[in-house]
Amino acid sequence: MTPVQKKVRQYLAAIGHRGGLASRRELTKSHARQMVAIREARRAAKKAGKPWPPRDPKSRKLLKLS
């Protein structure tokens, strides 16, 4: 590799490292469980041929979508 390529590679690595640190997030247990519940509900709705997101307010409230 030429010296210019090495510098470009170092620069891009630094940018990627900063972006990776900024985009990290920590999930609480309750939020992770809620995400899983929504994913499973979406999967079940698609399998049953129902619309997603659910149209009835009760289901929306249970999943905390509204």
PDB file of N, CA and C in Angstrom:
ATOM      1  N   MET A   1       0.842  -1.178   0.000  1.00  0.00           N
ATOM      2  CA  MET A   1       0.000   0.000   0.000  1.00  0.00           C
ATOM      3  C   MET A   1       0.887   1.241   0.000  1.00  0.00           C
ATOM      4  N   THR A   2       0.408   2.224  -0.708  1.00  0.00           N
ATOM      5  CA  THR A   2       1.142   3.490  -0.749  1.00  0.00           C
ATOM      6  C   THR A   2       0.843   4.288   0.525  1.00  0.00           C
ATOM      7  N   PRO A   3       1.677   5.263   0.834  1.00  0.00           N
ATOM      8  CA  PRO A   3       1.434   6.088   2.034  1.00  0.00           C
ATOM      9  C   PRO A   3       0.074   6.805   1.990  1.00  0.00           C
ATOM     10  N   VAL A   4      -0.358   7.221   0.802  1.00  0.00           N
ATOM     11  CA  VAL A   4      -1.657   7.897   0.693  1.00  0.00           C
ATOM     12  C   VAL A   4      -2.779   6.925   1.036  1.00  0.00           C
ATOM     13  N   GLN A   5      -2.687   5.701   0.534  1.00  0.00           N
ATOM     14  CA  GLN A   5      -3.711   4.695   0.828  1.00  0.00           C
ATOM     15  C   GLN A   5      -3.765   4.392   2.326  1.00  0.00           C
ATOM     16  N   LYS A   6      -2.592   4.352   2.974  1.00  0.00           N
ATOM     17  CA  LYS A   6      -2.556   4.092   4.409  1.00  0.00           C
ATOM     18  C   LYS A   6      -3.255   5.207   5.181  1.00  0.00           C
ATOM     19  N   LYS A   7      -3.007   6.456   4.770  1.00  0.00           N
ATOM     20  CA  LYS A   7      -3.633   7.586   5.459  1.00  0.00           C
ATOM     21  C   LYS A   7      -5.150   7.570   5.261  1.00  0.00           C
ATOM     22  N   VAL A   8      -5.580   7.261   4.040  1.00  0.00           N
ATOM     23  CA  VAL A   8      -7.016   7.191   3.776  1.00  0.00           C
ATOM     24  C   VAL A   8      -7.645   6.076   4.609  1.00  0.00           C
ATOM     25  N   ARG A   9      -6.971   4.956   4.690  1.00  0.00           N
ATOM     26  CA  ARG A   9      -7.474   3.832   5.468  1.00  0.00           C
ATOM     27  C   ARG A   9      -7.588   4.192   6.950  1.00  0.00           C
ATOM     28  N   GLN A  10      -6.581   4.879   7.486  1.00  0.00           N
ATOM     29  CA  GLN A  10      -6.618   5.315   8.883  1.00  0.00           C
ATOM     30  C   GLN A  10      -7.756   6.306   9.124  1.00  0.00           C
ATOM     31  N   TYR A  11      -7.942   7.221   8.182  1.00  0.00           N
ATOM     32  CA  TYR A  11      -8.995   8.224   8.299  1.00  0.00           C
ATOM     33  C   TYR A  11     -10.373   7.559   8.322  1.00  0.00           C
ATOM     34  N   LEU A  12     -10.603   6.643   7.391  1.00  0.00           N
ATOM     35  CA  LEU A  12     -11.893   5.958   7.329  1.00  0.00           C
ATOM     36  C   LEU A  12     -12.118   5.091   8.571  1.00  0.00           C
ATOM     37  N   ALA A  13     -11.052   4.481   9.094  1.00  0.00           N
ATOM     38  CA  ALA A  13     -11.174   3.678  10.303  1.00  0.00           C
ATOM     39  C   ALA A  13     -11.565   4.552  11.490  1.00  0.00           C
ATOM     40  N   ALA A  14     -11.008   5.763  11.554  1.00  0.00           N
ATOM     41  CA  ALA A  14     -11.331   6.675  12.651  1.00  0.00           C
ATOM     42  C   ALA A  14     -12.796   7.112  12.573  1.00  0.00           C
ATOM     43  N   ILE A  15     -13.258   7.413  11.372  1.00  0.00           N
ATOM     44  CA  ILE A  15     -14.657   7.802  11.191  1.00  0.00           C
ATOM     45  C   ILE A  15     -15.578   6.645  11.594  1.00  0.00           C
ATOM     46  N   GLY A  16     -15.272   5.460  11.152  1.00  0.00           N
ATOM     47  CA  GLY A  16     -16.088   4.292  11.477  1.00  0.00           C
ATOM     48  C   GLY A  16     -16.124   4.020  12.966  1.00  0.00           C
ATOM     49  N   HIS A  17     -14.995   4.222  13.628  1.00  0.00           N
ATOM     50  CA  HIS A  17     -14.932   3.994  15.065  1.00  0.00           C
ATOM     51  C   HIS A  17     -15.820   4.986  15.801  1.00  0.00           C
ATOM     52  N   ARG A  18     -15.758   6.248  15.407  1.00  0.00           N
ATOM     53  CA  ARG A  18     -16.597   7.277  16.050  1.00  0.00           C
ATOM     54  C   ARG A  18     -18.076   6.993  15.828  1.00  0.00           C
ATOM     55  N   GLY A  19     -18.426   6.621  14.599  1.00  0.00           N
ATOM     56  CA  GLY A  19     -19.822   6.320  14.294  1.00  0.00           C
ATOM     57  C   GLY A  19     -20.331   5.133  15.077  1.00  0.00           C
ATOM     58  N   GLY A  20     -19.493   4.127  15.222  1.00  0.00           N
ATOM     59  CA  GLY A  20     -19.883   2.951  15.982  1.00  0.00           C
ATOM     60  C   GLY A  20     -20.130   3.264  17.442  1.00  0.00           C
ATOM     61  N   LEU A  21     -19.323   4.145  18.000  1.00  0.00           N
ATOM     62  CA  LEU A  21     -19.518   4.522  19.397  1.00  0.00           C
ATOM     63  C   LEU A  21     -20.782   5.347  19.571  1.00  0.00           C
ATOM     64  N   ALA A  22     -21.063   6.231  18.626  1.00  0.00           N
ATOM     65  CA  ALA A  22     -22.220   7.117  18.737  1.00  0.00           C
ATOM     66  C   ALA A  22     -23.527   6.361  18.555  1.00  0.00           C
ATOM     67  N   SER A  23     -23.520   5.311  17.748  1.00  0.00           N
ATOM     68  CA  SER A  23     -24.780   4.629  17.434  1.00  0.00           C
ATOM     69  C   SER A  23     -25.127   3.539  18.434  1.00  0.00           C
ATOM     70  N   ARG A  24     -24.268   3.295  19.407  1.00  0.00           N
ATOM     71  CA  ARG A  24     -24.568   2.250  20.380  1.00  0.00           C
ATOM     72  C   ARG A  24     -25.672   2.706  21.308  1.00  0.00           C
ATOM     73  N   ARG A  25     -26.468   1.757  21.699  1.00  0.00           N
ATOM     74  CA  ARG A  25     -27.522   2.067  22.656  1.00  0.00           C
ATOM     75  C   ARG A  25     -27.630   0.917  23.638  1.00  0.00           C
ATOM     76  N   GLU A  26     -28.069   1.236  24.812  1.00  0.00           N
ATOM     77  CA  GLU A  26     -28.249   0.205  25.820  1.00  0.00           C
ATOM     78  C   GLU A  26     -29.741   0.010  26.045  1.00  0.00           C
ATOM     79  N   LEU A  27     -30.162  -1.230  25.976  1.00  0.00           N
ATOM     80  CA  LEU A  27     -31.572  -1.553  26.173  1.00  0.00           C
ATOM     81  C   LEU A  27     -31.812  -1.991  27.604  1.00  0.00           C
ATOM     82  N   THR A  28     -32.914  -1.527  28.142  1.00  0.00           N
ATOM     83  CA  THR A  28     -33.328  -2.049  29.433  1.00  0.00           C
ATOM     84  C   THR A  28     -34.031  -3.382  29.195  1.00  0.00           C
ATOM     85  N   LYS A  29     -34.160  -4.170  30.239  1.00  0.00           N
ATOM     86  CA  LYS A  29     -34.836  -5.458  30.092  1.00  0.00           C
ATOM     87  C   LYS A  29     -36.265  -5.277  29.614  1.00  0.00           C
ATOM     88  N   SER A  30     -36.944  -4.288  30.182  1.00  0.00           N
ATOM     89  CA  SER A  30     -38.349  -4.097  29.823  1.00  0.00           C
ATOM     90  C   SER A  30     -38.495  -3.662  28.361  1.00  0.00           C
ATOM     91  N   HIS A  31     -37.587  -2.804  27.895  1.00  0.00           N
ATOM     92  CA  HIS A  31     -37.670  -2.354  26.512  1.00  0.00           C
ATOM     93  C   HIS A  31     -37.356  -3.502  25.554  1.00  0.00           C
ATOM     94  N   ALA A  32     -36.392  -4.325  25.895  1.00  0.00           N
ATOM     95  CA  ALA A  32     -36.063  -5.477  25.057  1.00  0.00           C
ATOM     96  C   ALA A  32     -37.243  -6.443  24.981  1.00  0.00           C
ATOM     97  N   ARG A  33     -37.903  -6.666  26.110  1.00  0.00           N
ATOM     98  CA  ARG A  33     -39.071  -7.559  26.123  1.00  0.00           C
ATOM     99  C   ARG A  33     -40.200  -6.986  25.275  1.00  0.00           C
ATOM    100  N   GLN A  34     -40.374  -5.672  25.348  1.00  0.00           N
ATOM    101  CA  GLN A  34     -41.420  -5.025  24.554  1.00  0.00           C
ATOM    102  C   GLN A  34     -41.119  -5.170  23.063  1.00  0.00           C
ATOM    103  N   MET A  35     -39.861  -5.009  22.684  1.00  0.00           N
ATOM    104  CA  MET A  35     -39.482  -5.166  21.277  1.00  0.00           C
ATOM    105  C   MET A  35     -39.769  -6.582  20.797  1.00  0.00           C
ATOM    106  N   VAL A  36     -39.467  -7.569  21.633  1.00  0.00           N
ATOM    107  CA  VAL A  36     -39.718  -8.966  21.268  1.00  0.00           C
ATOM    108  C   VAL A  36     -41.214  -9.213  21.139  1.00  0.00           C
ATOM    109  N   ALA A  37     -42.013  -8.650  22.052  1.00  0.00           N
ATOM    110  CA  ALA A  37     -43.464  -8.842  21.996  1.00  0.00           C
ATOM    111  C   ALA A  37     -44.039  -8.256  20.710  1.00  0.00           C
ATOM    112  N   ILE A  38     -43.553  -7.085  20.324  1.00  0.00           N
ATOM    113  CA  ILE A  38     -44.034  -6.464  19.085  1.00  0.00           C
ATOM    114  C   ILE A  38     -43.630  -7.296  17.881  1.00  0.00           C
ATOM    115  N   ARG A  39     -42.400  -7.795  17.880  1.00  0.00           N
ATOM    116  CA  ARG A  39     -41.925  -8.625  16.764  1.00  0.00           C
ATOM    117  C   ARG A  39     -42.763  -9.887  16.628  1.00  0.00           C
ATOM    118  N   GLU A  40     -43.051 -10.540  17.765  1.00  0.00           N
ATOM    119  CA  GLU A  40     -43.852 -11.759  17.732  1.00  0.00           C
ATOM    120  C   GLU A  40     -45.288 -11.470  17.297  1.00  0.00           C
ATOM    121  N   ALA A  41     -45.841 -10.345  17.742  1.00  0.00           N
ATOM    122  CA  ALA A  41     -47.205  -9.984  17.347  1.00  0.00           C
ATOM    123  C   ALA A  41     -47.265  -9.701  15.845  1.00  0.00           C
ATOM    124  N   ARG A  42     -46.238  -9.030  15.326  1.00  0.00           N
ATOM    125  CA  ARG A  42     -46.193  -8.737  13.891  1.00  0.00           C
ATOM    126  C   ARG A  42     -46.107 -10.029  13.094  1.00  0.00           C
ATOM    127  N   ARG A  43     -45.282 -10.944  13.563  1.00  0.00           N
ATOM    128  CA  ARG A  43     -45.121 -12.229  12.873  1.00  0.00           C
ATOM    129  C   ARG A  43     -46.431 -13.010  12.872  1.00  0.00           C
ATOM    130  N   ALA A  44     -47.112 -13.029  14.025  1.00  0.00           N
ATOM    131  CA  ALA A  44     -48.388 -13.755  14.123  1.00  0.00           C
ATOM    132  C   ALA A  44     -49.455 -13.106  13.248  1.00  0.00           C
ATOM    133  N   ALA A  45     -49.474 -11.771  13.206  1.00  0.00           N
ATOM    134  CA  ALA A  45     -50.478 -11.075  12.392  1.00  0.00           C
ATOM    135  C   ALA A  45     -50.265 -11.359  10.908  1.00  0.00           C
ATOM    136  N   LYS A  46     -49.022 -11.321  10.468  1.00  0.00           N
ATOM    137  CA  LYS A  46     -48.741 -11.601   9.056  1.00  0.00           C
ATOM    138  C   LYS A  46     -49.109 -13.033   8.697  1.00  0.00           C
ATOM    139  N   LYS A  47     -48.819 -13.958   9.618  1.00  0.00           N
ATOM    140  CA  LYS A  47     -49.131 -15.365   9.362  1.00  0.00           C
ATOM    141  C   LYS A  47     -50.644 -15.578   9.265  1.00  0.00           C
ATOM    142  N   ALA A  48     -51.405 -14.832  10.080  1.00  0.00           N
ATOM    143  CA  ALA A  48     -52.861 -14.966  10.078  1.00  0.00           C
ATOM    144  C   ALA A  48     -53.516 -14.136   8.978  1.00  0.00           C
ATOM    145  N   GLY A  49     -52.727 -13.358   8.257  1.00  0.00           N
ATOM    146  CA  GLY A  49     -53.266 -12.549   7.169  1.00  0.00           C
ATOM    147  C   GLY A  49     -53.955 -11.282   7.643  1.00  0.00           C
ATOM    148  N   LYS A  50     -53.639 -10.839   8.851  1.00  0.00           N
ATOM    149  CA  LYS A  50     -54.237  -9.623   9.397  1.00  0.00           C
ATOM    150  C   LYS A  50     -53.324  -8.431   9.119  1.00  0.00           C
ATOM    151  N   PRO A  51     -53.897  -7.220   9.144  1.00  0.00           N
ATOM    152  CA  PRO A  51     -53.071  -6.040   8.865  1.00  0.00           C
ATOM    153  C   PRO A  51     -52.135  -5.718  10.033  1.00  0.00           C
ATOM    154  N   TRP A  52     -51.004  -5.151   9.693  1.00  0.00           N
ATOM    155  CA  TRP A  52     -50.073  -4.677  10.711  1.00  0.00           C
ATOM    156  C   TRP A  52     -49.743  -3.238  10.406  1.00  0.00           C
ATOM    157  N   PRO A  53     -49.779  -2.327  11.335  1.00  0.00           N
ATOM    158  CA  PRO A  53     -50.108  -2.476  12.751  1.00  0.00           C
ATOM    159  C   PRO A  53     -51.594  -2.709  12.956  1.00  0.00           C
ATOM    160  N   PRO A  54     -51.957  -3.278  14.115  1.00  0.00           N
ATOM    161  CA  PRO A  54     -53.370  -3.583  14.353  1.00  0.00           C
ATOM    162  C   PRO A  54     -54.232  -2.334  14.327  1.00  0.00           C
ATOM    163  N   ARG A  55     -55.452  -2.480  13.819  1.00  0.00           N
ATOM    164  CA  ARG A  55     -56.344  -1.335  13.673  1.00  0.00           C
ATOM    165  C   ARG A  55     -57.155  -1.060  14.934  1.00  0.00           C
ATOM    166  N   ASP A  56     -57.387  -2.109  15.754  1.00  0.00           N
ATOM    167  CA  ASP A  56     -58.219  -1.894  16.934  1.00  0.00           C
ATOM    168  C   ASP A  56     -57.398  -1.281  18.076  1.00  0.00           C
ATOM    169  N   PRO A  57     -57.968  -0.304  18.764  1.00  0.00           N
ATOM    170  CA  PRO A  57     -57.245   0.423  19.819  1.00  0.00           C
ATOM    171  C   PRO A  57     -56.773  -0.459  20.973  1.00  0.00           C
ATOM    172  N   LYS A  58     -57.532  -1.529  21.277  1.00  0.00           N
ATOM    173  CA  LYS A  58     -57.159  -2.399  22.394  1.00  0.00           C
ATOM    174  C   LYS A  58     -55.809  -3.067  22.141  1.00  0.00           C
ATOM    175  N   SER A  59     -55.625  -3.602  20.951  1.00  0.00           N
ATOM    176  CA  SER A  59     -54.355  -4.260  20.613  1.00  0.00           C
ATOM    177  C   SER A  59     -53.219  -3.252  20.581  1.00  0.00           C
ATOM    178  N   ARG A  60     -53.490  -2.078  20.057  1.00  0.00           N
ATOM    179  CA  ARG A  60     -52.466  -1.034  20.002  1.00  0.00           C
ATOM    180  C   ARG A  60     -52.018  -0.640  21.411  1.00  0.00           C
ATOM    181  N   LYS A  61     -53.002  -0.577  22.325  1.00  0.00           N
ATOM    182  CA  LYS A  61     -52.674  -0.193  23.701  1.00  0.00           C
ATOM    183  C   LYS A  61     -51.863  -1.281  24.390  1.00  0.00           C
ATOM    184  N   LEU A  62     -52.211  -2.546  24.168  1.00  0.00           N
ATOM    185  CA  LEU A  62     -51.476  -3.651  24.774  1.00  0.00           C
ATOM    186  C   LEU A  62     -50.019  -3.669  24.317  1.00  0.00           C
ATOM    187  N   LEU A  63     -49.805  -3.368  23.046  1.00  0.00           N
ATOM    188  CA  LEU A  63     -48.441  -3.356  22.491  1.00  0.00           C
ATOM    189  C   LEU A  63     -47.736  -2.015  22.680  1.00  0.00           C
ATOM    190  N   LYS A  64     -48.454  -1.041  23.243  1.00  0.00           N
ATOM    191  CA  LYS A  64     -47.919   0.300  23.481  1.00  0.00           C
ATOM    192  C   LYS A  64     -47.457   0.941  22.186  1.00  0.00           C
ATOM    193  N   LEU A  65     -48.298   0.828  21.137  1.00  0.00           N
ATOM    194  CA  LEU A  65     -47.968   1.421  19.839  1.00  0.00           C
ATOM    195  C   LEU A  65     -48.529   2.822  19.694  1.00  0.00           C
ATOM    196  N   SER A  66     -49.510   3.200  20.493  1.00  0.00           N
ATOM    197  CA  SER A  66     -50.105   4.517  20.323  1.00  0.00           C
ATOM    198  C   SER A  66     -49.709   5.459  21.438  1.00  0.00           C
TER     199      SER A  66
END
